[in-house]
Amino acid sequence: AEKIIALERSAADQRVSDIFGRTMHEYDDAPEIHRFLNQLIGYVLDNLHLFKESDNAEPQRAFSSGPPTGTAGIANNPFLPFEINVLVDNSDVDRVPIIVEPNPNWGNLFGRIERRATMGTYFSDHAMLKPGSMHQANGGYLVLNARDVLMYPTVWEGLKRVIRNREIRLEDPNEQSGFFVPQGLRPEPIPLNVKVIVTGDEATYRLLNSADNEDFGDLFKVKAEFDSQVELTPDNVQAYCAFICRTCDEEGLRPFDGNGAARVVEFAARMVADQNKLSTRFGQIKDLLIEADYWAEQESSSLVQDEHVRQAVDHKVHRLNLVEERMREMVSEGTLLLEVSGSVVGQVNGLAVYDLGDFSFGRPARITAQTFAGREGLINIEREASLSGRTHDKGVLILAGYLGARFGQERPLTLSASLCFEQSYEGVDGDSASSTELYAVLSSLSGLPLKQGIAVTGSVNQMGKVQPIGGVNQKIEGMFDVCRLSGLTGDQGVMIPHQNLRNLMLRPDVVQAVKDGQFHIYSVKTIDEGLEILTGRPAGERNAEGSYPEGTVNYLVEKRLWELHNSMRGYYEGLVTAAN
């Protein structure tokens, strides 16, 4: 029996060595392959009984015909050690791989070792090794989102280790936490040559740079910031039109005519509120194109035209503006008190923007001021009620600087003034109403009424210069919608800082009303310019004697401040006399 076994082994050795010899000759410069093939030869010679034909069963397929497929154990599949598990096949790829991993958990990123349960025991073999995105991107680029990576425990540390060591190890993530893993295979590490690109917002970058400064700065050395807007140039407009055409082809949309494409470009400029820039948030632009195509389909139009794009924009607003509609109803019902005609002393319509995340809108808000003798200065009612933010408080304090510089050079200001956003209960922040509040104070001091049909927005500095603000389009449109509730009179409008003129990207109905003279937009550079528009009187400048011309706004303000000063002085002199 021993001689028979020896003869079988000798014959098998000669046959197997002939078969493997040709392959080994092709890889003379690869000792790892030689070692692997020698191990396979030893496996065959040590397990000849697995390859012999059985008398009680059909013979297995001849060795030369190729091994059967499958991942059964060696006892059921003697050809399992011969099976090759190709983790990544780039034989048909003619460029470097660029892999974007949308779900970077451990298995998707670094690969996994699958297991099979048999008789209560877990088994694995080399055919159950699965690649991850890191394997697929080897030799190229891997793109990850920082927030997605940080959502999975141990992935961030694993990613840093792989980049630092420049090798990928297929291992179970539980091993990283010290857990016992049954029959864990230990594949050799794979050399890594990949560029990892991590995308994210500025807040995430700062978090990683501060909390993981040593590793993050060492491993990710290049930071590139991408703007969400580009200059409105002929080349970029042409590129936008190319994007529209490409999206139409990819999504099966109708082609856009010239006016339709122009309306899309206008919408892109409105998204960034700048006449000289375009938004690069192409996801939102794509949604607009698809919805505009829907409205073209409803009208059986072969082209997507200007009107279809307008319908898409209007219907999107209609789906999101429930809060805005409810506020307009409250104005029309008289629940929210607003006057958009006539003139009132110490009262002016400011403009506020409500940001709901995916939709923002503006509406006018009544701002009132009362002035009286005292030494408290400006009393911000919102601040006293803890309803104002720090920026708003700063804006109110700037008003004191303006009043002191202009009217308090010869005597101290003996003034108390209260400022209030009427019917505002949810909190106020931002300094865009500081000029509006100043107009209300000056109106109360001078006794001159302010036009209620003109709403005001803009911050102010201590020198009386009006400064730009955000949300100018929403503010103008909010005032326009409120005025339209009771009918446009031709005297209504909005006063904005002159720097915001380039930000005007208004709705077509607002533009048409301005063209028809039914609504007006005033731009101002200084408080004095605004006073003249709101009161209809000249603001007045100091003459050589240091006084303002009689009858001007500043003359009346200074006169009233003198009266308050004399009143306070007389009051305290009376107290001294009574005490004596």
Protein backbone atom coordinates (compact mmCIF):
# COMPACT_ATOMS: atom_id res chain seq x y z
CA ALA A 1 0.00 0.00 0.00
CA GLU A 2 2.83 2.38 0.82
CA LYS A 3 4.44 1.67 -2.56
CA ILE A 4 1.15 2.40 -4.32
CA ILE A 5 0.79 5.69 -2.44
CA ALA A 6 4.39 6.57 -3.32
CA LEU A 7 3.81 5.75 -7.00
CA GLU A 8 0.63 7.85 -7.02
CA ARG A 9 2.41 10.77 -5.37
CA SER A 10 5.35 10.49 -7.81
CA ALA A 11 3.04 10.42 -10.85
CA ALA A 12 0.97 13.29 -9.48
CA ASP A 13 4.10 15.27 -8.67
CA GLN A 14 5.36 14.91 -12.24
CA ARG A 15 1.99 15.85 -13.72
CA VAL A 16 1.31 18.76 -11.42
CA SER A 17 4.87 20.08 -11.70
CA ASP A 18 4.53 20.09 -15.49
CA ILE A 19 1.30 22.06 -15.29
CA PHE A 20 2.55 24.61 -12.74
CA GLY A 21 6.03 24.82 -14.20
CA ARG A 22 4.90 26.80 -17.22
CA THR A 23 3.15 29.32 -14.98
CA MET A 24 6.09 29.62 -12.62
CA HIS A 25 8.39 30.25 -15.56
CA GLU A 26 6.27 33.25 -16.58
CA TYR A 27 6.72 34.78 -13.13
CA ASP A 28 10.40 34.22 -12.48
CA ASP A 29 10.70 37.73 -11.02
CA ALA A 30 7.79 37.25 -8.58
CA PRO A 31 8.88 35.15 -5.60
CA GLU A 32 5.50 35.57 -3.91
CA ILE A 33 3.77 33.85 -6.82
CA HIS A 34 6.38 31.07 -6.78
CA ARG A 35 5.76 30.52 -3.08
CA PHE A 36 1.99 30.44 -3.61
CA LEU A 37 2.23 27.93 -6.48
CA ASN A 38 4.56 25.68 -4.50
CA GLN A 39 2.03 25.69 -1.68
CA LEU A 40 -0.67 24.62 -4.12
CA ILE A 41 1.54 21.76 -5.39
CA GLY A 42 2.09 20.62 -1.82
CA TYR A 43 -1.65 20.83 -1.16
CA VAL A 44 -2.40 18.57 -4.14
CA LEU A 45 0.21 15.99 -3.21
CA ASP A 46 -0.92 15.92 0.41
CA ASN A 47 -4.59 15.53 -0.52
CA LEU A 48 -4.62 13.20 -3.52
CA HIS A 49 -7.62 11.37 -2.08
CA LEU A 50 -9.73 14.48 -2.65
CA PHE A 51 -9.07 14.36 -6.38
CA LYS A 52 -9.44 10.59 -6.97
CA GLU A 53 -12.54 9.22 -8.69
CA SER A 54 -15.06 7.49 -6.43
CA ASP A 55 -16.56 4.08 -7.26
CA ASN A 56 -19.89 5.00 -5.72
CA ALA A 57 -20.37 8.39 -7.29
CA GLU A 58 -19.87 10.17 -10.53
CA PRO A 59 -16.25 11.21 -11.04
CA GLN A 60 -15.40 14.81 -10.45
CA ARG A 61 -14.48 16.93 -13.41
CA ALA A 62 -10.97 16.47 -14.68
CA PHE A 63 -8.38 18.82 -13.21
CA SER A 64 -7.49 20.25 -16.60
CA SER A 65 -11.08 21.31 -17.25
CA GLY A 66 -10.94 23.87 -14.47
CA PRO A 67 -12.12 23.87 -10.87
CA PRO A 68 -15.77 24.17 -9.97
CA THR A 69 -16.98 27.50 -8.66
CA GLY A 70 -18.41 28.15 -5.25
CA THR A 71 -17.25 28.91 -1.73
CA ALA A 72 -17.99 25.64 0.01
CA GLY A 73 -15.41 24.25 2.38
CA ILE A 74 -12.42 22.24 1.15
CA ALA A 75 -14.15 19.01 2.17
CA ASN A 76 -16.91 19.76 -0.36
CA ASN A 77 -14.79 21.59 -2.91
CA PRO A 78 -11.21 20.40 -3.24
CA PHE A 79 -10.55 23.09 -5.82
CA LEU A 80 -11.23 25.96 -3.40
CA PRO A 81 -7.52 26.76 -2.82
CA PHE A 82 -7.14 27.16 -6.60
CA GLU A 83 -9.89 29.75 -6.89
CA ILE A 84 -8.67 33.30 -7.40
CA ASN A 85 -10.53 36.13 -5.70
CA VAL A 86 -9.95 39.23 -7.79
CA LEU A 87 -10.71 42.09 -5.41
CA VAL A 88 -10.59 44.83 -8.06
CA ASP A 89 -10.41 44.37 -11.83
CA ASN A 90 -9.18 47.49 -13.66
CA SER A 91 -8.14 45.68 -16.83
CA ASP A 92 -10.74 47.55 -18.90
CA VAL A 93 -10.16 50.95 -17.24
CA ASP A 94 -8.32 53.45 -19.42
CA ARG A 95 -7.99 56.23 -16.79
CA VAL A 96 -7.18 56.57 -13.13
CA PRO A 97 -10.10 55.53 -10.92
CA ILE A 98 -12.20 58.25 -9.30
CA ILE A 99 -14.42 56.75 -6.61
CA VAL A 100 -17.09 58.66 -4.68
CA GLU A 101 -18.21 56.78 -1.57
CA PRO A 102 -21.65 58.00 -0.39
CA ASN A 103 -21.84 55.66 2.63
CA PRO A 104 -18.37 55.35 4.17
CA ASN A 105 -18.94 52.74 6.85
CA TRP A 106 -16.06 50.41 7.68
CA GLY A 107 -16.99 47.67 5.24
CA ASN A 108 -17.78 49.97 2.34
CA LEU A 109 -14.55 51.89 2.81
CA PHE A 110 -11.95 49.30 3.83
CA GLY A 111 -13.58 46.07 2.67
CA ARG A 112 -15.00 43.19 4.70
CA ILE A 113 -14.39 39.56 5.54
CA GLU A 114 -17.63 37.64 5.13
CA ARG A 115 -18.38 34.52 7.20
CA ARG A 116 -20.44 31.38 6.87
CA ALA A 117 -22.06 29.65 9.84
CA THR A 118 -21.77 25.85 9.87
CA MET A 119 -22.81 23.71 12.83
CA GLY A 120 -22.69 26.73 15.13
CA THR A 121 -19.20 27.76 14.01
CA TYR A 122 -18.15 30.61 11.73
CA PHE A 123 -15.86 29.90 8.82
CA SER A 124 -14.19 32.18 6.27
CA ASP A 125 -11.97 31.64 3.28
CA HIS A 126 -10.16 33.82 0.80
CA ALA A 127 -13.11 33.81 -1.60
CA MET A 128 -15.14 35.66 1.02
CA LEU A 129 -12.90 38.73 1.07
CA LYS A 130 -14.76 41.74 -0.35
CA PRO A 131 -13.12 45.00 -1.44
CA GLY A 132 -13.94 48.48 -0.25
CA SER A 133 -13.84 51.88 -1.92
CA MET A 134 -10.23 52.28 -0.82
CA HIS A 135 -9.26 49.22 -2.88
CA GLN A 136 -11.24 50.43 -5.88
CA ALA A 137 -9.64 53.88 -5.72
CA ASN A 138 -6.08 52.56 -5.34
CA GLY A 139 -3.94 54.34 -7.90
CA GLY A 140 -6.49 57.14 -8.25
CA TYR A 141 -8.77 59.34 -6.16
CA LEU A 142 -11.26 58.69 -3.38
CA VAL A 143 -13.87 61.34 -2.55
CA LEU A 144 -15.54 61.32 0.89
CA ASN A 145 -17.86 63.65 2.76
CA ALA A 146 -16.46 64.63 6.15
CA ARG A 147 -19.81 64.50 7.96
CA ASP A 148 -20.54 61.02 6.57
CA VAL A 149 -17.15 59.73 7.72
CA LEU A 150 -17.58 61.16 11.21
CA MET A 151 -20.98 59.48 11.56
CA TYR A 152 -19.35 56.05 11.88
CA PRO A 153 -17.22 55.22 14.96
CA THR A 154 -13.63 54.11 14.29
CA VAL A 155 -13.82 54.99 10.55
CA TRP A 156 -12.05 58.34 10.97
CA GLU A 157 -9.20 56.76 12.93
CA GLY A 158 -9.02 53.91 10.44
CA LEU A 159 -8.85 56.34 7.54
CA LYS A 160 -5.98 58.25 9.10
CA ARG A 161 -4.10 55.02 9.81
CA VAL A 162 -4.48 53.81 6.22
CA ILE A 163 -3.28 57.12 4.78
CA ARG A 164 -0.38 57.34 7.23
CA ASN A 165 0.82 53.75 6.68
CA ARG A 166 0.04 53.75 2.95
CA GLU A 167 -1.39 50.27 3.09
CA ILE A 168 -4.84 48.70 3.35
CA ARG A 169 -5.54 45.85 5.73
CA LEU A 170 -8.65 43.73 5.39
CA GLU A 171 -9.75 43.24 8.98
CA ASP A 172 -12.87 43.14 11.04
CA PRO A 173 -13.83 46.50 12.61
CA ASN A 174 -14.64 44.73 15.88
CA GLU A 175 -10.96 43.89 16.22
CA GLN A 176 -10.29 47.62 16.53
CA SER A 177 -12.37 47.62 19.71
CA GLY A 178 -10.65 44.56 21.20
CA PHE A 179 -13.50 42.10 20.58
CA PHE A 180 -12.80 38.45 19.78
CA VAL A 181 -13.51 37.63 16.13
CA PRO A 182 -13.91 33.91 15.27
CA GLN A 183 -11.63 32.52 12.56
CA GLY A 184 -10.29 35.88 11.53
CA LEU A 185 -8.29 35.73 8.34
CA ARG A 186 -5.14 37.83 8.15
CA PRO A 187 -4.69 38.85 4.51
CA GLU A 188 -1.43 40.58 3.71
CA PRO A 189 -1.68 44.39 3.61
CA ILE A 190 -2.05 45.90 0.15
CA PRO A 191 0.23 48.85 -0.77
CA LEU A 192 -1.80 52.01 -1.15
CA ASN A 193 -1.33 54.90 -3.54
CA VAL A 194 -4.45 57.05 -3.44
CA LYS A 195 -5.38 60.70 -3.09
CA VAL A 196 -8.16 61.10 -0.54
CA ILE A 197 -10.38 64.15 -1.04
CA VAL A 198 -12.60 65.03 1.91
CA THR A 199 -15.38 67.53 1.23
CA GLY A 200 -17.42 69.47 3.77
CA ASP A 201 -18.49 72.87 4.99
CA GLU A 202 -16.36 75.42 6.80
CA ALA A 203 -17.75 74.48 10.22
CA THR A 204 -16.70 70.83 9.83
CA TYR A 205 -13.26 71.87 8.62
CA ARG A 206 -12.74 74.10 11.65
CA LEU A 207 -13.94 71.34 13.96
CA LEU A 208 -11.44 68.83 12.56
CA ASN A 209 -8.65 71.39 12.43
CA SER A 210 -9.11 72.28 16.08
CA ALA A 211 -10.10 68.94 17.63
CA ASP A 212 -7.69 66.79 15.58
CA ASN A 213 -5.15 69.41 14.64
CA GLU A 214 -1.98 67.29 14.72
CA ASP A 215 -3.19 64.45 12.50
CA PHE A 216 -5.61 66.42 10.33
CA GLY A 217 -3.11 69.09 9.35
CA ASP A 218 -0.39 66.52 8.73
CA LEU A 219 -2.45 64.17 6.55
CA PHE A 220 -4.65 66.68 4.72
CA LYS A 221 -2.25 69.40 3.70
CA VAL A 222 -4.14 71.03 0.84
CA LYS A 223 -7.30 73.02 1.46
CA ALA A 224 -9.34 74.30 -1.49
CA GLU A 225 -12.33 76.58 -1.00
CA PHE A 226 -15.12 76.48 -3.57
CA ASP A 227 -17.37 79.46 -4.03
CA SER A 228 -21.11 79.02 -4.42
CA GLN A 229 -21.22 81.80 -7.01
CA VAL A 230 -19.35 82.95 -10.10
CA GLU A 231 -19.10 86.20 -12.00
CA LEU A 232 -21.79 86.88 -14.58
CA THR A 233 -19.67 86.98 -17.71
CA PRO A 234 -20.44 85.96 -21.31
CA ASP A 235 -18.34 82.82 -20.86
CA ASN A 236 -20.17 81.81 -17.69
CA VAL A 237 -23.56 82.51 -19.24
CA GLN A 238 -22.56 80.29 -22.15
CA ALA A 239 -21.47 77.61 -19.67
CA TYR A 240 -24.84 77.92 -17.92
CA CYS A 241 -26.64 77.39 -21.23
CA ALA A 242 -24.44 74.35 -21.84
CA PHE A 243 -25.46 73.02 -18.42
CA ILE A 244 -29.12 73.52 -19.33
CA CYS A 245 -28.65 71.62 -22.60
CA ARG A 246 -26.75 68.80 -20.91
CA THR A 247 -29.41 68.45 -18.21
CA CYS A 248 -32.13 68.33 -20.86
CA ASP A 249 -30.29 65.48 -22.61
CA GLU A 250 -29.60 63.54 -19.41
CA GLU A 251 -33.09 63.94 -17.96
CA GLY A 252 -35.03 63.71 -21.23
CA LEU A 253 -36.42 67.25 -20.93
CA ARG A 254 -37.72 69.50 -23.66
CA PRO A 255 -35.24 72.03 -25.01
CA PHE A 256 -35.36 75.56 -23.58
CA ASP A 257 -35.82 78.48 -25.94
CA GLY A 258 -33.75 81.66 -25.57
CA ASN A 259 -36.20 83.41 -23.23
CA GLY A 260 -36.58 80.33 -21.08
CA ALA A 261 -32.82 79.94 -20.68
CA ALA A 262 -32.52 83.67 -19.91
CA ARG A 263 -35.12 83.30 -17.17
CA VAL A 264 -33.13 80.43 -15.65
CA VAL A 265 -29.97 82.56 -15.66
CA GLU A 266 -31.94 85.38 -14.02
CA PHE A 267 -33.11 82.96 -11.35
CA ALA A 268 -29.49 81.94 -10.74
CA ALA A 269 -28.59 85.60 -10.21
CA ARG A 270 -31.54 86.05 -7.84
CA MET A 271 -30.35 83.08 -5.77
CA VAL A 272 -27.21 85.02 -4.85
CA ALA A 273 -28.99 88.42 -4.87
CA ASP A 274 -26.42 90.00 -7.16
CA GLN A 275 -26.83 91.39 -10.66
CA ASN A 276 -23.20 90.57 -11.46
CA LYS A 277 -23.00 86.97 -10.19
CA LEU A 278 -24.55 83.56 -10.76
CA SER A 279 -25.21 80.75 -8.31
CA THR A 280 -23.35 77.47 -8.73
CA ARG A 281 -25.88 75.46 -6.71
CA PHE A 282 -26.69 73.37 -9.74
CA GLY A 283 -28.84 70.94 -7.78
CA GLN A 284 -31.46 73.64 -7.27
CA ILE A 285 -31.11 74.81 -10.87
CA LYS A 286 -31.66 71.23 -12.08
CA ASP A 287 -34.84 70.98 -9.98
CA LEU A 288 -36.09 74.18 -11.59
CA LEU A 289 -35.41 72.82 -15.10
CA ILE A 290 -37.33 69.62 -14.39
CA GLU A 291 -40.30 71.48 -12.96
CA ALA A 292 -40.35 73.98 -15.82
CA ASP A 293 -40.40 71.05 -18.25
CA TYR A 294 -43.45 69.71 -16.41
CA TRP A 295 -45.37 72.95 -17.00
CA ALA A 296 -44.35 72.93 -20.65
CA GLU A 297 -45.78 69.40 -20.88
CA GLN A 298 -49.05 70.57 -19.31
CA GLU A 299 -49.43 73.11 -22.10
CA SER A 300 -48.33 70.65 -24.80
CA SER A 301 -45.44 72.92 -25.71
CA SER A 302 -42.46 71.50 -27.59
CA LEU A 303 -40.18 74.09 -25.98
CA VAL A 304 -39.74 75.26 -22.40
CA GLN A 305 -40.40 78.98 -22.47
CA ASP A 306 -40.11 81.96 -20.17
CA GLU A 307 -43.62 81.52 -18.80
CA HIS A 308 -43.00 77.88 -17.86
CA VAL A 309 -39.95 78.84 -15.81
CA ARG A 310 -42.00 81.52 -14.06
CA GLN A 311 -44.70 78.98 -13.27
CA ALA A 312 -42.11 76.63 -11.78
CA VAL A 313 -40.73 79.40 -9.56
CA ASP A 314 -44.18 80.62 -8.50
CA HIS A 315 -45.46 77.14 -7.64
CA LYS A 316 -42.36 76.37 -5.58
CA VAL A 317 -42.95 79.57 -3.59
CA HIS A 318 -46.62 78.66 -3.18
CA ARG A 319 -45.66 75.29 -1.66
CA LEU A 320 -43.42 76.97 0.92
CA ASN A 321 -45.00 80.33 1.82
CA LEU A 322 -47.79 79.29 4.16
CA VAL A 323 -46.34 81.35 7.04
CA GLU A 324 -46.01 84.38 4.77
CA GLU A 325 -49.63 84.06 3.65
CA ARG A 326 -50.85 83.81 7.23
CA MET A 327 -48.97 86.98 8.15
CA ARG A 328 -50.48 88.83 5.19
CA GLU A 329 -53.91 87.67 6.32
CA MET A 330 -53.22 89.10 9.78
CA VAL A 331 -52.29 92.42 8.19
CA SER A 332 -55.42 92.55 6.04
CA GLU A 333 -57.59 91.58 9.03
CA GLY A 334 -56.02 94.30 11.19
CA THR A 335 -54.46 91.88 13.68
CA LEU A 336 -50.98 93.10 12.74
CA LEU A 337 -51.14 96.88 12.88
CA LEU A 338 -49.54 98.55 9.87
CA GLU A 339 -50.17 101.78 8.06
CA VAL A 340 -49.01 102.12 4.45
CA SER A 341 -50.48 105.56 3.82
CA GLY A 342 -50.51 108.91 5.55
CA SER A 343 -47.87 110.35 7.92
CA VAL A 344 -47.26 109.80 11.66
CA VAL A 345 -44.81 111.37 14.13
CA GLY A 346 -42.32 108.98 15.71
CA GLN A 347 -43.45 106.00 13.68
CA VAL A 348 -41.94 104.33 10.64
CA ASN A 349 -42.23 100.98 8.86
CA GLY A 350 -39.10 98.90 9.11
CA LEU A 351 -38.48 95.66 7.20
CA ALA A 352 -37.67 92.24 8.62
CA VAL A 353 -36.70 88.97 6.95
CA TYR A 354 -37.97 85.61 8.17
CA ASP A 355 -35.74 82.68 7.26
CA LEU A 356 -37.50 79.30 7.27
CA GLY A 357 -34.54 77.33 5.98
CA ASP A 358 -35.67 76.51 2.45
CA PHE A 359 -37.66 79.73 2.08
CA SER A 360 -37.29 83.30 3.28
CA PHE A 361 -39.60 86.27 3.01
CA GLY A 362 -39.81 89.84 4.19
CA ARG A 363 -42.56 91.88 5.78
CA PRO A 364 -42.88 95.39 7.14
CA ALA A 365 -42.87 95.92 10.91
CA ARG A 366 -43.92 99.04 12.77
CA ILE A 367 -41.16 100.78 14.72
CA THR A 368 -42.04 103.54 17.14
CA ALA A 369 -40.06 106.00 19.24
CA GLN A 370 -41.00 108.22 22.17
CA THR A 371 -38.71 111.01 23.43
CA PHE A 372 -38.90 112.86 26.71
CA ALA A 373 -36.79 114.66 29.28
CA GLY A 374 -34.40 112.50 31.23
CA ARG A 375 -30.88 111.15 31.38
CA GLU A 376 -31.47 107.48 30.54
CA GLY A 377 -30.50 107.92 26.89
CA LEU A 378 -31.84 105.42 24.37
CA ILE A 379 -33.96 102.70 25.92
CA ASN A 380 -34.18 99.60 23.74
CA ILE A 381 -37.40 97.93 24.82
CA GLU A 382 -36.45 94.68 23.02
CA ARG A 383 -33.21 94.57 24.99
CA GLU A 384 -34.94 95.24 28.29
CA ALA A 385 -37.35 92.38 27.52
CA SER A 386 -34.45 90.09 26.47
CA LEU A 387 -35.85 89.87 22.96
CA SER A 388 -32.91 91.36 21.05
CA GLY A 389 -29.59 89.97 19.91
CA ARG A 390 -26.16 91.51 20.37
CA THR A 391 -26.00 92.88 16.84
CA HIS A 392 -29.29 94.70 17.28
CA ASP A 393 -28.15 96.10 20.62
CA LYS A 394 -24.97 97.37 18.95
CA GLY A 395 -27.05 99.13 16.31
CA VAL A 396 -29.06 100.95 18.97
CA LEU A 397 -25.90 102.04 20.78
CA ILE A 398 -24.59 103.49 17.51
CA LEU A 399 -27.61 105.82 17.47
CA ALA A 400 -26.42 107.39 20.70
CA GLY A 401 -23.06 108.06 19.08
CA TYR A 402 -24.72 109.74 16.10
CA LEU A 403 -26.97 111.95 18.25
CA GLY A 404 -24.13 112.95 20.56
CA ALA A 405 -21.77 113.80 17.70
CA ARG A 406 -24.33 115.90 15.87
CA PHE A 407 -26.29 117.57 18.65
CA GLY A 408 -24.26 117.18 21.84
CA GLN A 409 -21.08 119.16 21.10
CA GLU A 410 -22.06 122.30 23.07
CA ARG A 411 -24.07 120.70 25.89
CA PRO A 412 -24.80 117.23 27.17
CA LEU A 413 -27.84 115.48 25.79
CA THR A 414 -30.54 115.37 28.44
CA LEU A 415 -32.68 112.93 26.55
CA SER A 416 -34.57 109.75 27.18
CA ALA A 417 -35.96 107.83 24.21
CA SER A 418 -37.67 104.48 24.02
CA LEU A 419 -37.54 102.36 20.86
CA CYS A 420 -39.81 99.45 20.11
CA PHE A 421 -40.59 96.90 17.39
CA GLU A 422 -44.36 96.79 17.79
CA GLN A 423 -46.06 93.37 17.98
CA SER A 424 -42.73 91.56 17.89
CA TYR A 425 -42.57 88.65 20.32
CA GLU A 426 -40.13 86.17 18.79
CA GLY A 427 -36.94 88.19 19.12
CA VAL A 428 -35.06 90.69 16.98
CA ASP A 429 -31.47 90.63 15.81
CA GLY A 430 -29.32 92.36 13.22
CA ASP A 431 -28.56 96.04 12.72
CA SER A 432 -30.45 96.50 9.45
CA ALA A 433 -33.14 98.51 11.25
CA SER A 434 -30.76 100.93 12.99
CA SER A 435 -31.33 103.68 10.42
CA THR A 436 -35.08 103.08 10.67
CA GLU A 437 -34.97 103.49 14.44
CA LEU A 438 -32.95 106.68 14.06
CA TYR A 439 -35.57 108.17 11.72
CA ALA A 440 -38.25 107.40 14.31
CA VAL A 441 -36.23 109.15 17.07
CA LEU A 442 -35.52 112.21 14.92
CA SER A 443 -39.19 112.40 13.93
CA SER A 444 -40.27 112.29 17.57
CA LEU A 445 -37.80 115.05 18.47
CA SER A 446 -38.61 117.29 15.53
CA GLY A 447 -42.36 116.71 15.61
CA LEU A 448 -42.34 116.10 11.87
CA PRO A 449 -44.44 113.15 10.66
CA LEU A 450 -42.89 110.40 8.53
CA LYS A 451 -44.51 108.95 5.41
CA GLN A 452 -45.95 105.55 6.30
CA GLY A 453 -46.07 104.41 2.69
CA ILE A 454 -42.27 104.27 2.54
CA ALA A 455 -40.66 101.39 4.42
CA VAL A 456 -37.01 101.72 5.42
CA THR A 457 -34.10 99.35 5.75
CA GLY A 458 -30.39 99.91 6.26
CA SER A 459 -27.86 100.08 9.05
CA VAL A 460 -26.10 103.29 10.01
CA ASN A 461 -22.72 104.24 11.44
CA GLN A 462 -21.92 107.01 13.92
CA MET A 463 -21.12 109.39 11.06
CA GLY A 464 -24.66 109.15 9.66
CA LYS A 465 -23.69 107.02 6.66
CA VAL A 466 -26.21 104.41 5.62
CA GLN A 467 -24.70 100.93 5.22
CA PRO A 468 -25.79 97.90 3.14
CA ILE A 469 -27.88 95.05 4.48
CA GLY A 470 -28.93 91.55 3.43
CA GLY A 471 -32.24 90.23 2.13
CA VAL A 472 -33.04 93.39 0.22
CA ASN A 473 -35.19 91.63 -2.40
CA GLN A 474 -37.32 89.83 0.17
CA LYS A 475 -37.80 93.08 2.09
CA ILE A 476 -38.91 95.06 -0.95
CA GLU A 477 -41.26 92.31 -2.11
CA GLY A 478 -42.70 91.97 1.41
CA MET A 479 -43.60 95.68 1.50
CA PHE A 480 -44.95 95.51 -2.04
CA ASP A 481 -47.27 92.59 -1.18
CA VAL A 482 -48.63 94.38 1.90
CA CYS A 483 -49.25 97.60 -0.04
CA ARG A 484 -51.02 95.65 -2.78
CA LEU A 485 -53.50 94.28 -0.24
CA SER A 486 -55.16 97.69 0.06
CA GLY A 487 -54.22 98.86 -3.44
CA LEU A 488 -51.14 100.64 -4.69
CA THR A 489 -51.41 104.42 -4.49
CA GLY A 490 -48.30 105.46 -6.41
CA ASP A 491 -46.81 107.03 -3.28
CA GLN A 492 -45.54 103.84 -1.69
CA GLY A 493 -42.12 102.30 -1.86
CA VAL A 494 -39.00 101.20 -0.02
CA MET A 495 -35.87 103.12 0.92
CA ILE A 496 -32.64 101.11 0.75
CA PRO A 497 -28.90 101.80 1.06
CA HIS A 498 -27.39 102.81 -2.28
CA GLN A 499 -24.85 99.95 -2.03
CA ASN A 500 -27.71 97.45 -2.33
CA LEU A 501 -28.70 98.58 -5.81
CA ARG A 502 -26.55 95.84 -7.35
CA ASN A 503 -28.40 93.27 -5.24
CA LEU A 504 -31.79 94.05 -6.75
CA MET A 505 -33.19 90.93 -8.46
CA LEU A 506 -36.90 91.53 -7.98
CA ARG A 507 -39.98 89.61 -9.08
CA PRO A 508 -41.40 90.59 -12.48
CA ASP A 509 -44.59 92.04 -10.93
CA VAL A 510 -42.57 94.34 -8.67
CA VAL A 511 -40.40 95.48 -11.57
CA GLN A 512 -43.51 96.24 -13.63
CA ALA A 513 -45.08 98.24 -10.81
CA VAL A 514 -41.91 100.35 -10.52
CA LYS A 515 -41.94 100.93 -14.28
CA ASP A 516 -45.58 102.02 -14.09
CA GLY A 517 -44.86 104.45 -11.25
CA GLN A 518 -47.09 102.56 -8.81
CA PHE A 519 -44.24 101.62 -6.51
CA HIS A 520 -40.89 103.28 -5.83
CA ILE A 521 -37.42 102.26 -4.69
CA TYR A 522 -35.27 105.00 -3.17
CA SER A 523 -31.56 104.62 -2.56
CA VAL A 524 -29.83 106.83 -0.01
CA LYS A 525 -26.27 107.33 1.20
CA THR A 526 -26.86 109.34 4.38
CA ILE A 527 -29.46 109.81 7.10
CA ASP A 528 -30.06 113.36 5.89
CA GLU A 529 -31.07 112.08 2.43
CA GLY A 530 -33.51 109.68 4.04
CA LEU A 531 -34.99 112.38 6.26
CA GLU A 532 -35.75 114.54 3.26
CA ILE A 533 -37.58 111.68 1.51
CA LEU A 534 -39.58 110.68 4.59
CA THR A 535 -40.51 114.20 5.78
CA GLY A 536 -40.55 116.17 2.56
CA ARG A 537 -38.37 118.83 4.20
CA PRO A 538 -34.67 119.62 3.79
CA ALA A 539 -32.48 118.07 6.46
CA GLY A 540 -30.33 121.18 6.81
CA GLU A 541 -26.59 121.73 7.23
CA ARG A 542 -24.83 123.87 9.80
CA ASN A 543 -23.90 127.31 8.58
CA ALA A 544 -20.83 129.35 9.46
CA GLU A 545 -22.40 130.37 12.78
CA GLY A 546 -22.83 126.71 13.70
CA SER A 547 -26.63 126.65 13.51
CA TYR A 548 -29.08 124.92 11.18
CA PRO A 549 -31.37 126.86 8.83
CA GLU A 550 -34.70 127.54 10.43
CA GLY A 551 -37.46 125.11 9.54
CA THR A 552 -35.15 122.25 8.57
CA VAL A 553 -35.35 118.84 10.23
CA ASN A 554 -32.05 119.19 12.08
CA TYR A 555 -33.05 122.71 13.26
CA LEU A 556 -36.25 121.36 14.83
CA VAL A 557 -34.39 118.44 16.43
CA GLU A 558 -31.76 120.71 17.94
CA LYS A 559 -34.42 123.13 19.12
CA ARG A 560 -36.29 120.35 20.92
CA LEU A 561 -33.08 119.09 22.53
CA TRP A 562 -32.45 122.63 23.84
CA GLU A 563 -35.93 122.65 25.32
CA LEU A 564 -35.38 119.31 27.04
CA HIS A 565 -32.03 120.51 28.34
CA ASN A 566 -33.53 123.71 29.78
CA SER A 567 -36.42 121.74 31.24
CA MET A 568 -34.05 119.39 33.06
CA ARG A 569 -31.89 122.28 34.26
CA GLY A 570 -34.92 124.14 35.58
CA TYR A 571 -36.13 120.99 37.30
CA TYR A 572 -32.85 120.43 39.16
CA GLU A 573 -32.49 124.15 40.02
CA GLY A 574 -35.95 123.99 41.54
CA LEU A 575 -34.92 121.00 43.64
CA VAL A 576 -31.87 122.87 44.90
CA THR A 577 -33.94 125.93 45.81
CA ALA A 578 -36.51 123.82 47.62
CA ALA A 579 -33.76 122.05 49.58
CA ASN A 580 -32.30 125.36 50.70
